[in-house]
Amino acid sequence: MKKNNPAGSVLVIGGGITGMQSALDLAESGFYVYLVEETSAIGGKMAQLDKTFPTNDCAM
């Protein structure tokens, strides 16, 4: 059941895959989430895999 009022607010530091998933889970639990990333884009190391493995030919 979705809540109309946030349960509170949280700060997630780091926009890598773990930070993004944590922010999503917390938001779905009813928290207002602030996601802070040091760089200009989110995704962390996962965002670089398209350059390393352009055909997705890796063991993930």
C-alpha atoms as a PDB file:
ATOM      1  CA  MET A   1       0.000   0.000   0.000  1.00  0.00           C
ATOM      2  CA  LYS A   2       1.443   3.358  -1.050  1.00  0.00           C
ATOM      3  CA  LYS A   3       1.614   6.131   1.495  1.00  0.00           C
ATOM      4  CA  ASN A   4       0.510   9.642   0.569  1.00  0.00           C
ATOM      5  CA  ASN A   5       2.730  11.299   3.158  1.00  0.00           C
ATOM      6  CA  PRO A   6       6.454  10.541   3.209  1.00  0.00           C
ATOM      7  CA  ALA A   7       7.681   8.581   6.231  1.00  0.00           C
ATOM      8  CA  GLY A   8      10.612  10.987   6.427  1.00  0.00           C
ATOM      9  CA  SER A   9      13.535  11.920   4.285  1.00  0.00           C
ATOM     10  CA  VAL A  10      16.844  10.174   3.692  1.00  0.00           C
ATOM     11  CA  LEU A  11      20.100  11.091   1.984  1.00  0.00           C
ATOM     12  CA  VAL A  12      21.759   8.511  -0.241  1.00  0.00           C
ATOM     13  CA  ILE A  13      25.353   9.389  -1.079  1.00  0.00           C
ATOM     14  CA  GLY A  14      26.619   7.860  -4.298  1.00  0.00           C
ATOM     15  CA  GLY A  15      24.768   7.337  -7.547  1.00  0.00           C
ATOM     16  CA  GLY A  16      26.283   3.993  -8.442  1.00  0.00           C
ATOM     17  CA  ILE A  17      24.151   0.928  -8.946  1.00  0.00           C
ATOM     18  CA  THR A  18      23.860   0.301  -5.192  1.00  0.00           C
ATOM     19  CA  GLY A  19      22.990   3.910  -4.431  1.00  0.00           C
ATOM     20  CA  MET A  20      20.352   3.990  -7.154  1.00  0.00           C
ATOM     21  CA  GLN A  21      18.777   0.730  -5.961  1.00  0.00           C
ATOM     22  CA  SER A  22      18.819   1.909  -2.346  1.00  0.00           C
ATOM     23  CA  ALA A  23      17.185   5.194  -3.328  1.00  0.00           C
ATOM     24  CA  LEU A  24      14.501   3.345  -5.287  1.00  0.00           C
ATOM     25  CA  ASP A  25      13.787   0.909  -2.443  1.00  0.00           C
ATOM     26  CA  LEU A  26      13.552   3.726   0.100  1.00  0.00           C
ATOM     27  CA  ALA A  27      11.281   5.790  -2.150  1.00  0.00           C
ATOM     28  CA  GLU A  28       8.995   2.803  -2.682  1.00  0.00           C
ATOM     29  CA  SER A  29       8.889   2.371   1.110  1.00  0.00           C
ATOM     30  CA  GLY A  30       7.520   5.879   1.479  1.00  0.00           C
ATOM     31  CA  PHE A  31      10.618   7.949   2.146  1.00  0.00           C
ATOM     32  CA  TYR A  32      11.475  11.210   0.400  1.00  0.00           C
ATOM     33  CA  VAL A  33      14.924  10.524  -1.051  1.00  0.00           C
ATOM     34  CA  TYR A  34      17.805  12.849  -1.828  1.00  0.00           C
ATOM     35  CA  LEU A  35      20.336  11.121  -4.085  1.00  0.00           C
ATOM     36  CA  VAL A  36      23.714  12.875  -4.269  1.00  0.00           C
ATOM     37  CA  GLU A  37      26.416  11.976  -6.787  1.00  0.00           C
ATOM     38  CA  GLU A  38      29.883  13.514  -7.019  1.00  0.00           C
ATOM     39  CA  THR A  39      30.149  13.272 -10.808  1.00  0.00           C
ATOM     40  CA  SER A  40      27.908  14.691 -13.522  1.00  0.00           C
ATOM     41  CA  ALA A  41      26.194  11.350 -14.230  1.00  0.00           C
ATOM     42  CA  ILE A  42      24.760   8.482 -12.226  1.00  0.00           C
ATOM     43  CA  GLY A  43      25.513   4.814 -12.795  1.00  0.00           C
ATOM     44  CA  GLY A  44      29.031   4.533 -11.411  1.00  0.00           C
ATOM     45  CA  LYS A  45      31.203   1.848 -12.978  1.00  0.00           C
ATOM     46  CA  MET A  46      28.181   0.238 -14.643  1.00  0.00           C
ATOM     47  CA  ALA A  47      27.760   3.326 -16.831  1.00  0.00           C
ATOM     48  CA  GLN A  48      31.221   2.657 -18.292  1.00  0.00           C
ATOM     49  CA  LEU A  49      30.533  -0.931 -19.386  1.00  0.00           C
ATOM     50  CA  ASP A  50      29.012   0.128 -22.704  1.00  0.00           C
ATOM     51  CA  LYS A  51      32.432   1.500 -23.672  1.00  0.00           C
ATOM     52  CA  THR A  52      34.313  -1.531 -22.346  1.00  0.00           C
ATOM     53  CA  PHE A  53      31.867  -4.121 -23.715  1.00  0.00           C
ATOM     54  CA  PRO A  54      29.977  -2.386 -26.582  1.00  0.00           C
ATOM     55  CA  THR A  55      28.339  -5.668 -27.660  1.00  0.00           C
ATOM     56  CA  ASN A  56      27.479  -6.709 -24.079  1.00  0.00           C
ATOM     57  CA  ASP A  57      29.810  -9.674 -24.619  1.00  0.00           C
ATOM     58  CA  CYS A  58      30.868 -10.057 -20.997  1.00  0.00           C
ATOM     59  CA  ALA A  59      30.150 -12.518 -18.215  1.00  0.00           C
ATOM     60  CA  MET A  60      27.648 -10.584 -16.121  1.00  0.00           C
END
